[in-house]
Amino acid sequence: MEKDNIIAIDLAKSVFQVCKVSPRGKIIYNREVSRKRLKELLVKETKSLVAMEACATAHYWARYAERAGHQVKVINARIVKGFQTKQKTDKNDAIAIATAAPLEHIQSIRIHSVEEQAMQSTERARNLALTHVIAQSNQIRGLLLEFGIVIPQGINSLRRNLPMILEDAENDLPDSFRQIVMSLWEHLEVQIEHADAITSSLKGTIESNQVCQKLMKLEGVGPIGALGLSLRLGKGEHYSNGRNAAASIGLTPKQHSSGGKENIGHISKQCADKRLRATLYQGALSVVSLVINRPPKTNKEQWLKALIARRGKKVAAIALANKTVRTAYAILKSDSEYEPQVIV
């Protein structure tokens, strides 16, 4: 890598900033190129270290550069920001990426394959579809509440009560507004059908994925959690140990140490994969609620129950999520199966 040129790309939609730097650190050029020109440049250039920020389209361009024979490094945008010494411009951003790229202690994020990106995109589409369903149902419920009509939470309650409300002539709803509510409900039904279709498709994909099925044997890990872990960890090749894997998701305490004194704080609110962490935390909470009401069956449940008694449910749930990531890392790294130790 020390003998290769560095091609730093500040990604965009149509116009990209490309900075080429020699192995000695001299800037060969730093110019704007079109999308078509960038593809041609990556194909024509000799083997180089191609670096870019982890942002929209980064996985696509990383795969394209790898197919062109380059070594690729996709760097967290927060890390790149620390190398900016001047005002924020596309040229300065590209220089900052080029400066950070050759440093060995700055790791590349894991690059998704086309199949992995398709699974992640399907999960994102499902999440947005469910958000739309919740928003539309809450709007209907809120609008009717302004007329003194209360509907309990849940889609089933809305489906059961709404026809009777629209047919009730004594609830003082204006006829014109009844038509609006009916159209909102019809639109909601379409959204529910759309969300169910995406969920069914994602469920079939996860069921056919051996890695996800392996991870779903872990305590508190469901289909969405297993998918998130498999996409994040891969085969564990981007992490030196399980603690680093857990830290990348935001499940280890922040450290602010100096002068030989270690100060360990809370888990980070910013430097984390918040979506995956929330999923693992919710799964861990369900395990905590289950274990607290019955005798422990495994060594892990015994450890968890003792931790709940000392630190409470929420701290125990974070600790369990941390342990889940570490166990998942070990399973994927060694290509083994999860076998909890049962108390005899």
Protein backbone atom coordinates (compact mmCIF):
# COMPACT_ATOMS: atom_id res chain seq x y z
CA MET A 1 0.00 0.00 0.00
CA GLU A 2 2.97 2.38 0.74
CA LYS A 3 4.12 2.10 -2.90
CA ASP A 4 0.70 2.72 -4.42
CA ASN A 5 -0.86 6.01 -5.34
CA ILE A 6 -3.87 7.14 -3.32
CA ILE A 7 -7.07 8.11 -5.12
CA ALA A 8 -9.39 9.89 -2.70
CA ILE A 9 -12.97 10.39 -3.87
CA ASP A 10 -15.44 12.82 -2.34
CA LEU A 11 -18.66 11.09 -3.38
CA ALA A 12 -21.69 12.86 -4.82
CA LYS A 13 -24.53 12.15 -7.23
CA SER A 14 -23.25 13.60 -10.51
CA VAL A 15 -20.00 15.54 -9.96
CA PHE A 16 -17.21 13.94 -7.89
CA GLN A 17 -14.05 15.44 -6.43
CA VAL A 18 -11.02 13.22 -7.04
CA CYS A 19 -7.64 13.82 -5.41
CA LYS A 20 -4.68 11.71 -6.55
CA VAL A 21 -1.71 11.61 -4.20
CA SER A 22 1.70 10.00 -4.76
CA PRO A 23 3.18 7.54 -2.22
CA ARG A 24 5.35 10.41 -0.91
CA GLY A 25 2.32 12.57 -0.24
CA LYS A 26 2.53 14.92 -3.23
CA ILE A 27 -0.83 15.94 -4.73
CA ILE A 28 -0.78 14.97 -8.41
CA TYR A 29 -4.20 16.47 -9.12
CA ASN A 30 -7.37 17.45 -7.29
CA ARG A 31 -10.23 18.06 -9.70
CA GLU A 32 -13.92 17.54 -10.37
CA VAL A 33 -14.97 14.68 -12.64
CA SER A 34 -18.32 13.49 -13.97
CA ARG A 35 -19.84 10.12 -13.15
CA LYS A 36 -18.83 8.69 -16.53
CA ARG A 37 -15.31 10.10 -16.24
CA LEU A 38 -14.88 8.61 -12.75
CA LYS A 39 -15.65 5.13 -14.04
CA GLU A 40 -13.15 5.56 -16.86
CA LEU A 41 -10.53 6.89 -14.44
CA LEU A 42 -10.86 3.91 -12.08
CA VAL A 43 -10.48 1.47 -14.98
CA LYS A 44 -7.46 3.23 -16.54
CA GLU A 45 -5.50 3.97 -13.37
CA THR A 46 -2.83 1.52 -12.21
CA LYS A 47 -3.41 -0.36 -8.96
CA SER A 48 -3.99 2.24 -6.27
CA LEU A 49 -5.50 2.69 -2.83
CA VAL A 50 -8.98 4.08 -3.50
CA ALA A 51 -10.44 5.81 -0.46
CA MET A 52 -13.82 7.39 0.18
CA GLU A 53 -16.13 8.35 3.03
CA ALA A 54 -18.79 5.92 4.25
CA CYS A 55 -21.87 7.63 2.84
CA ALA A 56 -24.55 7.12 0.19
CA THR A 57 -23.35 5.03 -2.82
CA ALA A 58 -20.07 4.16 -1.04
CA HIS A 59 -20.66 0.40 -1.31
CA TYR A 60 -21.40 0.66 -5.04
CA TRP A 61 -18.24 2.63 -5.80
CA ALA A 62 -16.16 0.41 -3.51
CA ARG A 63 -17.28 -2.70 -5.39
CA TYR A 64 -16.63 -0.96 -8.72
CA ALA A 65 -13.09 0.00 -7.67
CA GLU A 66 -12.38 -3.52 -6.42
CA ARG A 67 -13.47 -4.98 -9.76
CA ALA A 68 -11.06 -2.55 -11.44
CA GLY A 69 -8.21 -4.08 -9.43
CA HIS A 70 -7.77 -1.45 -6.72
CA GLN A 71 -7.44 -1.76 -2.98
CA VAL A 72 -10.39 0.01 -1.35
CA LYS A 73 -10.77 1.77 1.97
CA VAL A 74 -14.14 3.17 3.05
CA ILE A 75 -13.64 5.46 6.06
CA ASN A 76 -16.14 6.63 8.64
CA ALA A 77 -17.05 10.27 7.93
CA ARG A 78 -16.46 11.22 11.59
CA ILE A 79 -12.85 10.10 11.29
CA VAL A 80 -12.30 12.03 8.05
CA LYS A 81 -13.59 15.22 9.69
CA GLY A 82 -10.66 15.14 12.10
CA PHE A 83 -8.23 15.50 9.18
CA GLN A 84 -9.82 18.67 7.78
CA THR A 85 -7.49 21.60 8.46
CA LYS A 86 -9.20 24.27 6.36
CA GLN A 87 -12.73 25.32 5.49
CA LYS A 88 -15.16 22.71 4.21
CA THR A 89 -15.00 22.44 0.43
CA ASP A 90 -15.03 19.46 -1.91
CA LYS A 91 -11.31 19.89 -2.57
CA ASN A 92 -10.45 20.02 1.14
CA ASP A 93 -12.71 17.02 1.82
CA ALA A 94 -10.86 14.98 -0.82
CA ILE A 95 -7.48 15.99 0.67
CA ALA A 96 -8.67 14.96 4.15
CA ILE A 97 -9.72 11.54 2.81
CA ALA A 98 -6.33 11.15 1.11
CA THR A 99 -4.54 12.08 4.33
CA ALA A 100 -6.47 9.57 6.44
CA ALA A 101 -6.37 6.69 3.93
CA PRO A 102 -2.75 5.42 4.31
CA LEU A 103 -2.81 5.33 8.13
CA GLU A 104 -2.87 1.73 9.33
CA HIS A 105 -4.80 2.38 12.55
CA ILE A 106 -7.75 3.79 10.59
CA GLN A 107 -9.86 0.82 9.58
CA SER A 108 -12.13 0.46 6.58
CA ILE A 109 -15.76 -0.36 7.13
CA ARG A 110 -16.98 -3.66 5.74
CA ILE A 111 -18.05 -3.45 2.08
CA HIS A 112 -21.38 -5.13 1.34
CA SER A 113 -21.88 -7.47 -1.58
CA VAL A 114 -24.80 -6.89 -3.96
CA GLU A 115 -26.85 -9.57 -2.18
CA GLU A 116 -26.14 -8.10 1.26
CA GLN A 117 -27.03 -4.62 0.10
CA ALA A 118 -30.28 -5.94 -1.32
CA MET A 119 -31.16 -7.50 2.06
CA GLN A 120 -30.31 -4.28 3.88
CA SER A 121 -32.33 -2.20 1.41
CA THR A 122 -35.33 -4.51 1.86
CA GLU A 123 -35.12 -4.07 5.63
CA ARG A 124 -34.95 -0.28 5.21
CA ALA A 125 -37.98 -0.37 2.90
CA ARG A 126 -39.91 -2.44 5.46
CA ASN A 127 -39.00 -0.03 8.25
CA LEU A 128 -40.26 2.96 6.24
CA ALA A 129 -43.46 1.11 5.27
CA LEU A 130 -44.20 0.33 8.94
CA THR A 131 -43.50 3.96 9.84
CA HIS A 132 -46.07 5.09 7.27
CA VAL A 133 -48.64 2.63 8.63
CA ILE A 134 -48.17 3.88 12.19
CA ALA A 135 -48.28 7.55 11.10
CA GLN A 136 -51.46 7.09 9.05
CA SER A 137 -53.26 5.15 11.80
CA ASN A 138 -52.24 7.74 14.41
CA GLN A 139 -53.57 10.52 12.18
CA ILE A 140 -56.97 8.85 11.82
CA ARG A 141 -57.12 8.22 15.56
CA GLY A 142 -56.07 11.80 16.34
CA LEU A 143 -58.54 13.40 13.95
CA LEU A 144 -61.44 11.42 15.39
CA LEU A 145 -60.34 12.30 18.91
CA GLU A 146 -60.99 15.97 18.06
CA PHE A 147 -64.66 14.98 17.70
CA GLY A 148 -64.67 13.15 21.03
CA ILE A 149 -64.33 9.68 19.48
CA VAL A 150 -61.67 7.54 21.19
CA ILE A 151 -60.21 4.46 19.50
CA PRO A 152 -57.73 2.23 21.39
CA GLN A 153 -54.22 1.80 20.02
CA GLY A 154 -53.49 -0.86 17.44
CA ILE A 155 -54.45 -1.56 13.83
CA ASN A 156 -56.90 -4.27 14.85
CA SER A 157 -58.78 -1.85 17.12
CA LEU A 158 -58.96 0.66 14.29
CA ARG A 159 -60.19 -1.98 11.85
CA ARG A 160 -62.83 -3.18 14.29
CA ASN A 161 -64.18 0.20 15.43
CA LEU A 162 -63.93 2.43 12.36
CA PRO A 163 -66.84 0.91 10.33
CA MET A 164 -69.21 1.35 13.31
CA ILE A 165 -68.04 4.94 13.82
CA LEU A 166 -68.61 5.86 10.16
CA GLU A 167 -72.10 4.27 10.19
CA ASP A 168 -73.14 5.94 13.46
CA ALA A 169 -75.38 8.89 12.54
CA GLU A 170 -75.46 10.25 16.09
CA ASN A 171 -71.73 11.00 16.57
CA ASP A 172 -71.96 14.48 14.96
CA LEU A 173 -69.36 13.72 12.26
CA PRO A 174 -70.04 15.87 9.15
CA ASP A 175 -70.78 13.81 6.04
CA SER A 176 -67.93 15.43 4.11
CA PHE A 177 -65.47 14.46 6.86
CA ARG A 178 -66.81 10.89 6.94
CA GLN A 179 -65.72 10.59 3.31
CA ILE A 180 -62.26 11.91 4.20
CA VAL A 181 -61.88 9.39 7.03
CA MET A 182 -63.03 6.58 4.73
CA SER A 183 -60.44 7.57 2.10
CA LEU A 184 -57.73 7.72 4.80
CA TRP A 185 -58.67 4.22 5.94
CA GLU A 186 -58.61 2.88 2.37
CA HIS A 187 -55.18 4.40 1.92
CA LEU A 188 -54.06 2.83 5.21
CA GLU A 189 -55.21 -0.60 4.06
CA VAL A 190 -53.06 -0.25 0.94
CA GLN A 191 -50.09 0.70 3.11
CA ILE A 192 -50.69 -2.29 5.41
CA GLU A 193 -50.80 -4.63 2.41
CA HIS A 194 -47.58 -3.07 1.09
CA ALA A 195 -45.80 -3.48 4.46
CA ASP A 196 -46.99 -7.10 4.78
CA ALA A 197 -45.67 -7.91 1.29
CA ILE A 198 -42.21 -6.51 2.10
CA THR A 199 -42.19 -8.30 5.46
CA SER A 200 -43.06 -11.61 3.79
CA SER A 201 -40.30 -11.15 1.22
CA LEU A 202 -37.74 -10.29 3.90
CA LYS A 203 -38.83 -13.22 6.04
CA GLY A 204 -38.27 -15.63 3.15
CA THR A 205 -34.81 -14.16 2.52
CA ILE A 206 -33.78 -14.51 6.17
CA GLU A 207 -35.13 -18.06 6.41
CA SER A 208 -32.98 -19.09 3.43
CA ASN A 209 -29.86 -17.41 4.86
CA GLN A 210 -27.79 -19.89 6.88
CA VAL A 211 -25.86 -17.18 8.74
CA CYS A 212 -29.07 -15.51 9.94
CA GLN A 213 -30.49 -18.83 11.07
CA LYS A 214 -27.31 -19.51 13.01
CA LEU A 215 -27.45 -16.12 14.75
CA MET A 216 -31.13 -16.47 15.62
CA LYS A 217 -30.17 -19.19 18.12
CA LEU A 218 -28.67 -16.47 20.34
CA GLU A 219 -30.78 -15.19 23.26
CA GLY A 220 -32.89 -12.19 22.27
CA VAL A 221 -31.93 -12.23 18.58
CA GLY A 222 -34.81 -12.33 16.11
CA PRO A 223 -34.84 -12.13 12.31
CA ILE A 224 -34.12 -8.37 12.11
CA GLY A 225 -31.37 -8.57 14.74
CA ALA A 226 -29.78 -11.56 13.00
CA LEU A 227 -29.84 -9.74 9.67
CA GLY A 228 -28.25 -6.66 11.22
CA LEU A 229 -25.50 -8.68 12.90
CA SER A 230 -24.68 -10.64 9.74
CA LEU A 231 -24.42 -7.46 7.68
CA ARG A 232 -22.36 -5.66 10.31
CA LEU A 233 -19.94 -8.42 11.25
CA GLY A 234 -19.64 -10.44 8.04
CA LYS A 235 -17.18 -13.21 8.93
CA GLY A 236 -15.48 -11.09 11.56
CA GLU A 237 -12.58 -10.21 9.28
CA HIS A 238 -12.77 -6.47 9.97
CA TYR A 239 -12.48 -6.79 13.77
CA SER A 240 -9.52 -7.92 15.85
CA ASN A 241 -11.71 -9.21 18.68
CA GLY A 242 -15.26 -9.32 19.99
CA ARG A 243 -14.89 -6.15 22.05
CA ASN A 244 -14.06 -4.12 18.94
CA ALA A 245 -17.14 -5.57 17.25
CA ALA A 246 -19.33 -4.57 20.21
CA ALA A 247 -17.71 -1.11 20.33
CA SER A 248 -18.50 -0.49 16.66
CA ILE A 249 -22.20 -0.97 17.45
CA GLY A 250 -22.00 1.28 20.52
CA LEU A 251 -22.36 -1.33 23.26
CA THR A 252 -19.15 -0.61 25.21
CA PRO A 253 -18.52 2.31 27.60
CA LYS A 254 -16.73 5.43 26.39
CA GLN A 255 -13.24 5.92 27.74
CA HIS A 256 -11.64 9.27 28.62
CA SER A 257 -8.28 8.40 30.16
CA SER A 258 -5.14 10.44 30.71
CA GLY A 259 -2.01 10.36 32.86
CA GLY A 260 -2.41 6.68 33.58
CA LYS A 261 -5.90 7.18 35.04
CA GLU A 262 -8.71 5.29 33.37
CA ASN A 263 -12.11 6.97 33.33
CA ILE A 264 -14.88 4.72 32.04
CA GLY A 265 -18.19 6.40 31.24
CA HIS A 266 -21.51 5.50 29.67
CA ILE A 267 -22.13 4.01 26.24
CA SER A 268 -21.92 6.57 23.45
CA LYS A 269 -25.05 8.30 22.19
CA GLN A 270 -23.42 9.34 18.91
CA CYS A 271 -20.72 6.85 17.82
CA ALA A 272 -22.95 3.84 17.35
CA ASP A 273 -25.06 1.82 14.95
CA LYS A 274 -28.21 3.09 16.65
CA ARG A 275 -30.66 1.00 14.64
CA LEU A 276 -28.90 -2.30 15.35
CA ARG A 277 -28.16 -1.37 18.97
CA ALA A 278 -31.83 -0.56 19.60
CA THR A 279 -32.90 -3.89 18.08
CA LEU A 280 -30.44 -5.87 20.20
CA TYR A 281 -31.39 -3.91 23.32
CA GLN A 282 -35.09 -4.61 22.84
CA GLY A 283 -34.34 -8.30 22.36
CA ALA A 284 -32.16 -8.34 25.47
CA LEU A 285 -34.91 -6.64 27.50
CA SER A 286 -37.34 -9.40 26.52
CA VAL A 287 -34.84 -12.00 27.75
CA VAL A 288 -34.37 -10.07 31.01
CA SER A 289 -38.15 -9.97 31.56
CA LEU A 290 -38.34 -13.73 30.95
CA VAL A 291 -35.37 -14.75 33.11
CA ILE A 292 -36.32 -12.63 36.11
CA ASN A 293 -39.53 -14.62 36.67
CA ARG A 294 -38.11 -18.15 36.58
CA PRO A 295 -35.05 -20.14 37.69
CA PRO A 296 -32.01 -19.90 35.36
CA LYS A 297 -31.57 -22.76 32.90
CA THR A 298 -28.11 -21.91 31.50
CA ASN A 299 -24.88 -20.40 32.81
CA LYS A 300 -25.60 -17.22 30.87
CA GLU A 301 -29.03 -16.88 32.48
CA GLN A 302 -27.42 -17.42 35.88
CA TRP A 303 -24.93 -14.63 35.14
CA LEU A 304 -27.73 -12.39 33.85
CA LYS A 305 -29.93 -12.90 36.89
CA ALA A 306 -27.06 -12.02 39.23
CA LEU A 307 -26.32 -8.89 37.18
CA ILE A 308 -29.98 -7.82 37.32
CA ALA A 309 -29.89 -8.09 41.11
CA ARG A 310 -26.73 -5.93 41.28
CA ARG A 311 -27.31 -3.28 38.57
CA GLY A 312 -30.93 -3.42 37.43
CA LYS A 313 -32.74 -4.47 34.28
CA LYS A 314 -31.53 -1.83 31.82
CA VAL A 315 -27.83 -2.18 32.59
CA ALA A 316 -28.23 -5.95 32.44
CA ALA A 317 -29.94 -5.68 29.04
CA ILE A 318 -27.03 -3.61 27.63
CA ALA A 319 -24.55 -6.11 29.08
CA LEU A 320 -26.45 -8.99 27.49
CA ALA A 321 -26.54 -7.20 24.13
CA ASN A 322 -22.78 -6.66 24.42
CA LYS A 323 -22.23 -10.33 25.17
CA THR A 324 -24.54 -11.27 22.27
CA VAL A 325 -22.39 -9.32 19.79
CA ARG A 326 -19.20 -10.88 21.14
CA THR A 327 -20.72 -14.35 20.90
CA ALA A 328 -21.95 -13.63 17.37
CA TYR A 329 -18.45 -12.50 16.40
CA ALA A 330 -16.95 -15.73 17.76
CA ILE A 331 -19.55 -17.84 15.93
CA LEU A 332 -18.98 -16.10 12.60
CA LYS A 333 -15.20 -16.01 12.98
CA SER A 334 -14.92 -19.72 13.72
CA ASP A 335 -17.91 -20.79 11.59
CA SER A 336 -19.39 -22.70 14.52
CA GLU A 337 -22.81 -23.18 16.11
CA TYR A 338 -24.07 -21.59 19.31
CA GLU A 339 -24.48 -24.08 22.14
CA PRO A 340 -25.48 -22.57 25.51
CA GLN A 341 -24.13 -24.32 28.58
CA VAL A 342 -27.08 -25.87 30.39
CA ILE A 343 -27.04 -26.00 34.18
CA VAL A 344 -27.02 -29.63 35.26
